[in-house]
Amino acid sequence: MTDFLAIVAVGVGSYLFRGIFILALANKKIPDPFLVVLQFVAPAVLGALIVALLIDSDGNVAIGVPEVSAFVVGGAVAYKTRDHILTLVAGMGVFWLVRALM
């Protein structure tokens, strides 16, 4: 199997896997306990991204100026706006900017 066919197969499989749940739940009301659990998905993903960013390939903690500045800006935006997407955009933007300037 070529690389291209593998990429296409994974893409189609991912699309179908997501589409099945959308179609299956289209006309149904999601129970309140599930909605409560879904509120914690974004903070968990953000935490996983932060941990993945701060650990190098050897498993050691690697914190530098770009990471600290992104953490401070992201934390301030999260505290002020309570918006997960805006927090991610602000933190990653500052990280990439500081990393490019260093």
PDB file of N, CA and C in Angstrom:
ATOM      1  N   MET A   1       0.849  -1.179   0.000  1.00  0.00           N
ATOM      2  CA  MET A   1       0.000   0.000   0.000  1.00  0.00           C
ATOM      3  C   MET A   1       0.891   1.237   0.000  1.00  0.00           C
ATOM      4  N   THR A   2       0.586   2.170  -0.845  1.00  0.00           N
ATOM      5  CA  THR A   2       1.401   3.376  -0.911  1.00  0.00           C
ATOM      6  C   THR A   2       1.040   4.319   0.223  1.00  0.00           C
ATOM      7  N   ASP A   3       1.897   5.277   0.442  1.00  0.00           N
ATOM      8  CA  ASP A   3       1.636   6.262   1.494  1.00  0.00           C
ATOM      9  C   ASP A   3       0.369   7.046   1.219  1.00  0.00           C
ATOM     10  N   PHE A   4       0.152   7.386  -0.057  1.00  0.00           N
ATOM     11  CA  PHE A   4      -1.030   8.160  -0.406  1.00  0.00           C
ATOM     12  C   PHE A   4      -2.308   7.392  -0.092  1.00  0.00           C
ATOM     13  N   LEU A   5      -2.347   6.112  -0.428  1.00  0.00           N
ATOM     14  CA  LEU A   5      -3.537   5.311  -0.147  1.00  0.00           C
ATOM     15  C   LEU A   5      -3.771   5.164   1.354  1.00  0.00           C
ATOM     16  N   ALA A   6      -2.701   5.064   2.122  1.00  0.00           N
ATOM     17  CA  ALA A   6      -2.836   4.978   3.574  1.00  0.00           C
ATOM     18  C   ALA A   6      -3.426   6.269   4.133  1.00  0.00           C
ATOM     19  N   ILE A   7      -2.961   7.403   3.635  1.00  0.00           N
ATOM     20  CA  ILE A   7      -3.481   8.697   4.097  1.00  0.00           C
ATOM     21  C   ILE A   7      -4.954   8.835   3.724  1.00  0.00           C
ATOM     22  N   VAL A   8      -5.299   8.447   2.503  1.00  0.00           N
ATOM     23  CA  VAL A   8      -6.703   8.529   2.066  1.00  0.00           C
ATOM     24  C   VAL A   8      -7.578   7.601   2.906  1.00  0.00           C
ATOM     25  N   ALA A   9      -7.108   6.379   3.165  1.00  0.00           N
ATOM     26  CA  ALA A   9      -7.886   5.426   3.957  1.00  0.00           C
ATOM     27  C   ALA A   9      -8.124   5.945   5.371  1.00  0.00           C
ATOM     28  N   VAL A  10      -7.095   6.497   5.994  1.00  0.00           N
ATOM     29  CA  VAL A  10      -7.246   7.033   7.345  1.00  0.00           C
ATOM     30  C   VAL A  10      -8.176   8.242   7.336  1.00  0.00           C
ATOM     31  N   GLY A  11      -8.065   9.100   6.334  1.00  0.00           N
ATOM     32  CA  GLY A  11      -8.946  10.260   6.240  1.00  0.00           C
ATOM     33  C   GLY A  11     -10.399   9.874   6.057  1.00  0.00           C
ATOM     34  N   VAL A  12     -10.664   8.933   5.167  1.00  0.00           N
ATOM     35  CA  VAL A  12     -12.041   8.484   4.941  1.00  0.00           C
ATOM     36  C   VAL A  12     -12.584   7.780   6.182  1.00  0.00           C
ATOM     37  N   GLY A  13     -11.765   6.964   6.808  1.00  0.00           N
ATOM     38  CA  GLY A  13     -12.198   6.283   8.028  1.00  0.00           C
ATOM     39  C   GLY A  13     -12.523   7.262   9.144  1.00  0.00           C
ATOM     40  N   SER A  14     -11.693   8.271   9.309  1.00  0.00           N
ATOM     41  CA  SER A  14     -11.941   9.285  10.331  1.00  0.00           C
ATOM     42  C   SER A  14     -13.227  10.053  10.042  1.00  0.00           C
ATOM     43  N   TYR A  15     -13.424  10.399   8.776  1.00  0.00           N
ATOM     44  CA  TYR A  15     -14.636  11.126   8.379  1.00  0.00           C
ATOM     45  C   TYR A  15     -15.882  10.287   8.650  1.00  0.00           C
ATOM     46  N   LEU A  16     -15.844   9.009   8.279  1.00  0.00           N
ATOM     47  CA  LEU A  16     -16.993   8.134   8.503  1.00  0.00           C
ATOM     48  C   LEU A  16     -17.249   7.911   9.989  1.00  0.00           C
ATOM     49  N   PHE A  17     -16.180   7.732  10.764  1.00  0.00           N
ATOM     50  CA  PHE A  17     -16.326   7.511  12.201  1.00  0.00           C
ATOM     51  C   PHE A  17     -17.010   8.697  12.873  1.00  0.00           C
ATOM     52  N   ARG A  18     -16.625   9.903  12.494  1.00  0.00           N
ATOM     53  CA  ARG A  18     -17.246  11.098  13.066  1.00  0.00           C
ATOM     54  C   ARG A  18     -18.664  11.281  12.539  1.00  0.00           C
ATOM     55  N   GLY A  19     -18.856  11.011  11.267  1.00  0.00           N
ATOM     56  CA  GLY A  19     -20.164  11.189  10.656  1.00  0.00           C
ATOM     57  C   GLY A  19     -21.224  10.277  11.233  1.00  0.00           C
ATOM     58  N   ILE A  20     -20.838   9.063  11.603  1.00  0.00           N
ATOM     59  CA  ILE A  20     -21.797   8.123  12.185  1.00  0.00           C
ATOM     60  C   ILE A  20     -22.392   8.692  13.465  1.00  0.00           C
ATOM     61  N   PHE A  21     -21.564   9.264  14.321  1.00  0.00           N
ATOM     62  CA  PHE A  21     -22.072   9.823  15.572  1.00  0.00           C
ATOM     63  C   PHE A  21     -22.938  11.053  15.333  1.00  0.00           C
ATOM     64  N   ILE A  22     -22.576  11.862  14.381  1.00  0.00           N
ATOM     65  CA  ILE A  22     -23.385  13.047  14.072  1.00  0.00           C
ATOM     66  C   ILE A  22     -24.754  12.626  13.558  1.00  0.00           C
ATOM     67  N   LEU A  23     -24.774  11.667  12.660  1.00  0.00           N
ATOM     68  CA  LEU A  23     -26.050  11.204  12.116  1.00  0.00           C
ATOM     69  C   LEU A  23     -26.875  10.458  13.158  1.00  0.00           C
ATOM     70  N   ALA A  24     -26.237   9.679  13.996  1.00  0.00           N
ATOM     71  CA  ALA A  24     -26.955   8.903  15.001  1.00  0.00           C
ATOM     72  C   ALA A  24     -27.577   9.795  16.071  1.00  0.00           C
ATOM     73  N   LEU A  25     -26.936  10.918  16.378  1.00  0.00           N
ATOM     74  CA  LEU A  25     -27.428  11.802  17.442  1.00  0.00           C
ATOM     75  C   LEU A  25     -28.132  13.046  16.910  1.00  0.00           C
ATOM     76  N   ALA A  26     -28.425  13.087  15.617  1.00  0.00           N
ATOM     77  CA  ALA A  26     -28.964  14.299  15.002  1.00  0.00           C
ATOM     78  C   ALA A  26     -30.290  14.730  15.622  1.00  0.00           C
ATOM     79  N   ASN A  27     -31.195  13.815  15.858  1.00  0.00           N
ATOM     80  CA  ASN A  27     -32.525  14.178  16.362  1.00  0.00           C
ATOM     81  C   ASN A  27     -32.736  13.751  17.801  1.00  0.00           C
ATOM     82  N   LYS A  28     -31.687  13.545  18.528  1.00  0.00           N
ATOM     83  CA  LYS A  28     -31.800  13.089  19.914  1.00  0.00           C
ATOM     84  C   LYS A  28     -31.300  14.172  20.860  1.00  0.00           C
ATOM     85  N   LYS A  29     -31.879  14.197  22.048  1.00  0.00           N
ATOM     86  CA  LYS A  29     -31.422  15.122  23.078  1.00  0.00           C
ATOM     87  C   LYS A  29     -30.306  14.433  23.856  1.00  0.00           C
ATOM     88  N   ILE A  30     -29.194  15.129  23.999  1.00  0.00           N
ATOM     89  CA  ILE A  30     -28.059  14.578  24.742  1.00  0.00           C
ATOM     90  C   ILE A  30     -28.362  14.716  26.232  1.00  0.00           C
ATOM     91  N   PRO A  31     -28.245  13.625  26.996  1.00  0.00           N
ATOM     92  CA  PRO A  31     -28.541  13.695  28.437  1.00  0.00           C
ATOM     93  C   PRO A  31     -27.624  14.682  29.156  1.00  0.00           C
ATOM     94  N   ASP A  32     -28.168  15.281  30.204  1.00  0.00           N
ATOM     95  CA  ASP A  32     -27.427  16.291  30.961  1.00  0.00           C
ATOM     96  C   ASP A  32     -26.099  15.790  31.539  1.00  0.00           C
ATOM     97  N   PRO A  33     -25.998  14.551  32.050  1.00  0.00           N
ATOM     98  CA  PRO A  33     -24.695  14.110  32.563  1.00  0.00           C
ATOM     99  C   PRO A  33     -23.602  14.124  31.488  1.00  0.00           C
ATOM    100  N   PHE A  34     -23.958  13.791  30.247  1.00  0.00           N
ATOM    101  CA  PHE A  34     -22.966  13.832  29.174  1.00  0.00           C
ATOM    102  C   PHE A  34     -22.551  15.263  28.854  1.00  0.00           C
ATOM    103  N   LEU A  35     -23.503  16.180  28.924  1.00  0.00           N
ATOM    104  CA  LEU A  35     -23.169  17.587  28.672  1.00  0.00           C
ATOM    105  C   LEU A  35     -22.226  18.121  29.739  1.00  0.00           C
ATOM    106  N   VAL A  36     -22.413  17.688  30.972  1.00  0.00           N
ATOM    107  CA  VAL A  36     -21.514  18.109  32.050  1.00  0.00           C
ATOM    108  C   VAL A  36     -20.106  17.581  31.796  1.00  0.00           C
ATOM    109  N   VAL A  37     -20.011  16.323  31.380  1.00  0.00           N
ATOM    110  CA  VAL A  37     -18.700  15.730  31.096  1.00  0.00           C
ATOM    111  C   VAL A  37     -18.041  16.439  29.915  1.00  0.00           C
ATOM    112  N   LEU A  38     -18.803  16.787  28.899  1.00  0.00           N
ATOM    113  CA  LEU A  38     -18.244  17.442  27.715  1.00  0.00           C
ATOM    114  C   LEU A  38     -17.660  18.819  28.030  1.00  0.00           C
ATOM    115  N   GLN A  39     -18.099  19.442  29.109  1.00  0.00           N
ATOM    116  CA  GLN A  39     -17.549  20.750  29.496  1.00  0.00           C
ATOM    117  C   GLN A  39     -16.076  20.645  29.880  1.00  0.00           C
ATOM    118  N   PHE A  40     -15.625  19.465  30.255  1.00  0.00           N
ATOM    119  CA  PHE A  40     -14.251  19.290  30.704  1.00  0.00           C
ATOM    120  C   PHE A  40     -13.316  18.819  29.593  1.00  0.00           C
ATOM    121  N   VAL A  41     -13.830  18.629  28.387  1.00  0.00           N
ATOM    122  CA  VAL A  41     -12.993  18.146  27.289  1.00  0.00           C
ATOM    123  C   VAL A  41     -11.974  19.209  26.875  1.00  0.00           C
ATOM    124  N   ALA A  42     -12.412  20.437  26.678  1.00  0.00           N
ATOM    125  CA  ALA A  42     -11.501  21.495  26.232  1.00  0.00           C
ATOM    126  C   ALA A  42     -10.374  21.754  27.244  1.00  0.00           C
ATOM    127  N   PRO A  43     -10.663  21.889  28.545  1.00  0.00           N
ATOM    128  CA  PRO A  43      -9.545  22.069  29.482  1.00  0.00           C
ATOM    129  C   PRO A  43      -8.601  20.865  29.526  1.00  0.00           C
ATOM    130  N   ALA A  44      -9.139  19.654  29.371  1.00  0.00           N
ATOM    131  CA  ALA A  44      -8.280  18.472  29.371  1.00  0.00           C
ATOM    132  C   ALA A  44      -7.368  18.457  28.152  1.00  0.00           C
ATOM    133  N   VAL A  45      -7.903  18.810  26.996  1.00  0.00           N
ATOM    134  CA  VAL A  45      -7.090  18.860  25.783  1.00  0.00           C
ATOM    135  C   VAL A  45      -6.026  19.943  25.904  1.00  0.00           C
ATOM    136  N   LEU A  46      -6.405  21.104  26.435  1.00  0.00           N
ATOM    137  CA  LEU A  46      -5.443  22.188  26.616  1.00  0.00           C
ATOM    138  C   LEU A  46      -4.333  21.763  27.574  1.00  0.00           C
ATOM    139  N   GLY A  47      -4.691  21.075  28.654  1.00  0.00           N
ATOM    140  CA  GLY A  47      -3.682  20.574  29.583  1.00  0.00           C
ATOM    141  C   GLY A  47      -2.751  19.564  28.928  1.00  0.00           C
ATOM    142  N   ALA A  48      -3.309  18.689  28.089  1.00  0.00           N
ATOM    143  CA  ALA A  48      -2.478  17.704  27.380  1.00  0.00           C
ATOM    144  C   ALA A  48      -1.534  18.388  26.410  1.00  0.00           C
ATOM    145  N   LEU A  49      -2.000  19.435  25.741  1.00  0.00           N
ATOM    146  CA  LEU A  49      -1.124  20.178  24.835  1.00  0.00           C
ATOM    147  C   LEU A  49       0.009  20.856  25.591  1.00  0.00           C
ATOM    148  N   ILE A  50      -0.301  21.399  26.746  1.00  0.00           N
ATOM    149  CA  ILE A  50       0.726  22.076  27.547  1.00  0.00           C
ATOM    150  C   ILE A  50       1.777  21.077  28.015  1.00  0.00           C
ATOM    151  N   VAL A  51       1.343  19.938  28.506  1.00  0.00           N
ATOM    152  CA  VAL A  51       2.297  18.923  28.973  1.00  0.00           C
ATOM    153  C   VAL A  51       3.154  18.426  27.818  1.00  0.00           C
ATOM    154  N   ALA A  52       2.528  18.187  26.656  1.00  0.00           N
ATOM    155  CA  ALA A  52       3.293  17.724  25.497  1.00  0.00           C
ATOM    156  C   ALA A  52       4.308  18.778  25.058  1.00  0.00           C
ATOM    157  N   LEU A  53       3.975  20.032  25.229  1.00  0.00           N
ATOM    158  CA  LEU A  53       4.882  21.117  24.844  1.00  0.00           C
ATOM    159  C   LEU A  53       6.078  21.207  25.799  1.00  0.00           C
ATOM    160  N   LEU A  54       5.870  20.877  27.048  1.00  0.00           N
ATOM    161  CA  LEU A  54       6.907  21.078  28.053  1.00  0.00           C
ATOM    162  C   LEU A  54       7.803  19.866  28.273  1.00  0.00           C
ATOM    163  N   ILE A  55       7.557  18.773  27.570  1.00  0.00           N
ATOM    164  CA  ILE A  55       8.363  17.570  27.717  1.00  0.00           C
ATOM    165  C   ILE A  55       9.119  17.327  26.415  1.00  0.00           C
ATOM    166  N   ASP A  56      10.454  17.116  26.503  1.00  0.00           N
ATOM    167  CA  ASP A  56      11.232  16.855  25.287  1.00  0.00           C
ATOM    168  C   ASP A  56      11.182  15.368  24.939  1.00  0.00           C
ATOM    169  N   SER A  57      11.888  14.983  23.902  1.00  0.00           N
ATOM    170  CA  SER A  57      11.818  13.599  23.414  1.00  0.00           C
ATOM    171  C   SER A  57      12.416  12.586  24.389  1.00  0.00           C
ATOM    172  N   ASP A  58      13.249  13.038  25.311  1.00  0.00           N
ATOM    173  CA  ASP A  58      13.836  12.143  26.307  1.00  0.00           C
ATOM    174  C   ASP A  58      13.003  12.027  27.575  1.00  0.00           C
ATOM    175  N   GLY A  59      11.896  12.787  27.664  1.00  0.00           N
ATOM    176  CA  GLY A  59      11.046  12.751  28.840  1.00  0.00           C
ATOM    177  C   GLY A  59      11.420  13.757  29.903  1.00  0.00           C
ATOM    178  N   ASN A  60      12.354  14.648  29.589  1.00  0.00           N
ATOM    179  CA  ASN A  60      12.773  15.676  30.541  1.00  0.00           C
ATOM    180  C   ASN A  60      11.945  16.934  30.347  1.00  0.00           C
ATOM    181  N   VAL A  61      11.782  17.669  31.420  1.00  0.00           N
ATOM    182  CA  VAL A  61      11.061  18.931  31.344  1.00  0.00           C
ATOM    183  C   VAL A  61      11.949  19.955  30.649  1.00  0.00           C
ATOM    184  N   ALA A  62      11.402  20.601  29.628  1.00  0.00           N
ATOM    185  CA  ALA A  62      12.162  21.581  28.844  1.00  0.00           C
ATOM    186  C   ALA A  62      11.363  22.874  28.784  1.00  0.00           C
ATOM    187  N   ILE A  63      11.638  23.757  29.719  1.00  0.00           N
ATOM    188  CA  ILE A  63      10.910  25.027  29.783  1.00  0.00           C
ATOM    189  C   ILE A  63      11.878  26.152  29.476  1.00  0.00           C
ATOM    190  N   GLY A  64      11.500  26.968  28.508  1.00  0.00           N
ATOM    191  CA  GLY A  64      12.316  28.109  28.132  1.00  0.00           C
ATOM    192  C   GLY A  64      11.483  29.375  28.112  1.00  0.00           C
ATOM    193  N   VAL A  65      12.053  30.430  27.583  1.00  0.00           N
ATOM    194  CA  VAL A  65      11.363  31.721  27.520  1.00  0.00           C
ATOM    195  C   VAL A  65      10.090  31.641  26.674  1.00  0.00           C
ATOM    196  N   PRO A  66      10.094  30.982  25.503  1.00  0.00           N
ATOM    197  CA  PRO A  66       8.843  30.915  24.730  1.00  0.00           C
ATOM    198  C   PRO A  66       7.715  30.214  25.492  1.00  0.00           C
ATOM    199  N   GLU A  67       8.046  29.130  26.186  1.00  0.00           N
ATOM    200  CA  GLU A  67       7.021  28.400  26.928  1.00  0.00           C
ATOM    201  C   GLU A  67       6.457  29.227  28.083  1.00  0.00           C
ATOM    202  N   VAL A  68       7.341  29.872  28.821  1.00  0.00           N
ATOM    203  CA  VAL A  68       6.891  30.671  29.967  1.00  0.00           C
ATOM    204  C   VAL A  68       6.052  31.858  29.511  1.00  0.00           C
ATOM    205  N   SER A  69       6.487  32.529  28.446  1.00  0.00           N
ATOM    206  CA  SER A  69       5.721  33.683  27.963  1.00  0.00           C
ATOM    207  C   SER A  69       4.357  33.248  27.432  1.00  0.00           C
ATOM    208  N   ALA A  70       4.303  32.121  26.726  1.00  0.00           N
ATOM    209  CA  ALA A  70       3.016  31.617  26.233  1.00  0.00           C
ATOM    210  C   ALA A  70       2.105  31.217  27.391  1.00  0.00           C
ATOM    211  N   PHE A  71       2.685  30.612  28.420  1.00  0.00           N
ATOM    212  CA  PHE A  71       1.906  30.219  29.591  1.00  0.00           C
ATOM    213  C   PHE A  71       1.329  31.420  30.312  1.00  0.00           C
ATOM    214  N   VAL A  72       2.124  32.461  30.467  1.00  0.00           N
ATOM    215  CA  VAL A  72       1.655  33.667  31.160  1.00  0.00           C
ATOM    216  C   VAL A  72       0.544  34.357  30.361  1.00  0.00           C
ATOM    217  N   VAL A  73       0.759  34.528  29.063  1.00  0.00           N
ATOM    218  CA  VAL A  73      -0.251  35.185  28.228  1.00  0.00           C
ATOM    219  C   VAL A  73      -1.513  34.328  28.147  1.00  0.00           C
ATOM    220  N   GLY A  74      -1.351  33.032  27.933  1.00  0.00           N
ATOM    221  CA  GLY A  74      -2.511  32.149  27.874  1.00  0.00           C
ATOM    222  C   GLY A  74      -3.281  32.128  29.182  1.00  0.00           C
ATOM    223  N   GLY A  75      -2.565  32.110  30.289  1.00  0.00           N
ATOM    224  CA  GLY A  75      -3.229  32.154  31.591  1.00  0.00           C
ATOM    225  C   GLY A  75      -3.997  33.443  31.812  1.00  0.00           C
ATOM    226  N   ALA A  76      -3.408  34.564  31.403  1.00  0.00           N
ATOM    227  CA  ALA A  76      -4.097  35.852  31.550  1.00  0.00           C
ATOM    228  C   ALA A  76      -5.344  35.914  30.672  1.00  0.00           C
ATOM    229  N   VAL A  77      -5.231  35.424  29.446  1.00  0.00           N
ATOM    230  CA  VAL A  77      -6.392  35.432  28.543  1.00  0.00           C
ATOM    231  C   VAL A  77      -7.478  34.500  29.078  1.00  0.00           C
ATOM    232  N   ALA A  78      -7.099  33.342  29.584  1.00  0.00           N
ATOM    233  CA  ALA A  78      -8.081  32.412  30.142  1.00  0.00           C
ATOM    234  C   ALA A  78      -8.776  33.004  31.349  1.00  0.00           C
ATOM    235  N   TYR A  79      -8.021  33.662  32.209  1.00  0.00           N
ATOM    236  CA  TYR A  79      -8.603  34.279  33.399  1.00  0.00           C
ATOM    237  C   TYR A  79      -9.568  35.400  33.028  1.00  0.00           C
ATOM    238  N   LYS A  80      -9.187  36.193  32.031  1.00  0.00           N
ATOM    239  CA  LYS A  80      -9.985  37.363  31.659  1.00  0.00           C
ATOM    240  C   LYS A  80     -11.221  36.989  30.832  1.00  0.00           C
ATOM    241  N   THR A  81     -11.068  36.057  29.867  1.00  0.00           N
ATOM    242  CA  THR A  81     -12.155  35.800  28.925  1.00  0.00           C
ATOM    243  C   THR A  81     -12.910  34.503  29.175  1.00  0.00           C
ATOM    244  N   ARG A  82     -12.296  33.524  29.810  1.00  0.00           N
ATOM    245  CA  ARG A  82     -12.879  32.188  29.999  1.00  0.00           C
ATOM    246  C   ARG A  82     -13.225  31.522  28.662  1.00  0.00           C
ATOM    247  N   ASP A  83     -12.466  31.858  27.619  1.00  0.00           N
ATOM    248  CA  ASP A  83     -12.698  31.331  26.278  1.00  0.00           C
ATOM    249  C   ASP A  83     -11.535  30.413  25.909  1.00  0.00           C
ATOM    250  N   HIS A  84     -11.818  29.126  25.715  1.00  0.00           N
ATOM    251  CA  HIS A  84     -10.761  28.148  25.463  1.00  0.00           C
ATOM    252  C   HIS A  84     -10.053  28.395  24.135  1.00  0.00           C
ATOM    253  N   ILE A  85     -10.815  28.718  23.110  1.00  0.00           N
ATOM    254  CA  ILE A  85     -10.223  28.912  21.785  1.00  0.00           C
ATOM    255  C   ILE A  85      -9.340  30.157  21.789  1.00  0.00           C
ATOM    256  N   LEU A  86      -9.823  31.238  22.353  1.00  0.00           N
ATOM    257  CA  LEU A  86      -9.038  32.467  22.424  1.00  0.00           C
ATOM    258  C   LEU A  86      -7.768  32.254  23.252  1.00  0.00           C
ATOM    259  N   THR A  87      -7.871  31.485  24.316  1.00  0.00           N
ATOM    260  CA  THR A  87      -6.706  31.170  25.130  1.00  0.00           C
ATOM    261  C   THR A  87      -5.665  30.410  24.323  1.00  0.00           C
ATOM    262  N   LEU A  88      -6.119  29.421  23.582  1.00  0.00           N
ATOM    263  CA  LEU A  88      -5.206  28.636  22.757  1.00  0.00           C
ATOM    264  C   LEU A  88      -4.556  29.486  21.680  1.00  0.00           C
ATOM    265  N   VAL A  89      -5.334  30.315  21.014  1.00  0.00           N
ATOM    266  CA  VAL A  89      -4.801  31.167  19.946  1.00  0.00           C
ATOM    267  C   VAL A  89      -3.788  32.169  20.510  1.00  0.00           C
ATOM    268  N   ALA A  90      -4.113  32.797  21.625  1.00  0.00           N
ATOM    269  CA  ALA A  90      -3.209  33.783  22.216  1.00  0.00           C
ATOM    270  C   ALA A  90      -1.910  33.127  22.695  1.00  0.00           C
ATOM    271  N   GLY A  91      -2.038  32.019  23.410  1.00  0.00           N
ATOM    272  CA  GLY A  91      -0.844  31.343  23.923  1.00  0.00           C
ATOM    273  C   GLY A  91       0.055  30.823  22.815  1.00  0.00           C
ATOM    274  N   MET A  92      -0.521  30.174  21.831  1.00  0.00           N
ATOM    275  CA  MET A  92       0.287  29.647  20.731  1.00  0.00           C
ATOM    276  C   MET A  92       0.866  30.774  19.881  1.00  0.00           C
ATOM    277  N   GLY A  93       0.116  31.843  19.703  1.00  0.00           N
ATOM    278  CA  GLY A  93       0.640  32.984  18.948  1.00  0.00           C
ATOM    279  C   GLY A  93       1.864  33.589  19.618  1.00  0.00           C
ATOM    280  N   VAL A  94       1.782  33.776  20.927  1.00  0.00           N
ATOM    281  CA  VAL A  94       2.923  34.323  21.666  1.00  0.00           C
ATOM    282  C   VAL A  94       4.085  33.341  21.640  1.00  0.00           C
ATOM    283  N   PHE A  95       3.797  32.053  21.787  1.00  0.00           N
ATOM    284  CA  PHE A  95       4.865  31.050  21.745  1.00  0.00           C
ATOM    285  C   PHE A  95       5.606  31.099  20.414  1.00  0.00           C
ATOM    286  N   TRP A  96       4.868  31.091  19.312  1.00  0.00           N
ATOM    287  CA  TRP A  96       5.510  31.106  17.996  1.00  0.00           C
ATOM    288  C   TRP A  96       6.256  32.401  17.747  1.00  0.00           C
ATOM    289  N   LEU A  97       5.692  33.517  18.209  1.00  0.00           N
ATOM    290  CA  LEU A  97       6.348  34.816  18.021  1.00  0.00           C
ATOM    291  C   LEU A  97       7.664  34.880  18.793  1.00  0.00           C
ATOM    292  N   VAL A  98       7.628  34.524  20.057  1.00  0.00           N
ATOM    293  CA  VAL A  98       8.839  34.578  20.867  1.00  0.00           C
ATOM    294  C   VAL A  98       9.874  33.573  20.362  1.00  0.00           C
ATOM    295  N   ARG A  99       9.414  32.402  19.968  1.00  0.00           N
ATOM    296  CA  ARG A  99      10.341  31.392  19.439  1.00  0.00           C
ATOM    297  C   ARG A  99      10.991  31.855  18.142  1.00  0.00           C
ATOM    298  N   ALA A 100      10.233  32.551  17.291  1.00  0.00           N
ATOM    299  CA  ALA A 100      10.792  33.054  16.024  1.00  0.00           C
ATOM    300  C   ALA A 100      11.787  34.177  16.278  1.00  0.00           C
ATOM    301  N   LEU A 101      11.553  34.971  17.310  1.00  0.00           N
ATOM    302  CA  LEU A 101      12.454  36.101  17.592  1.00  0.00           C
ATOM    303  C   LEU A 101      13.731  35.671  18.290  1.00  0.00           C
ATOM    304  N   MET A 102      13.718  34.484  18.896  1.00  0.00           N
ATOM    305  CA  MET A 102      14.910  34.035  19.646  1.00  0.00           C
ATOM    306  C   MET A 102      15.834  33.276  18.763  1.00  0.00           C
TER     307      MET A 102
END
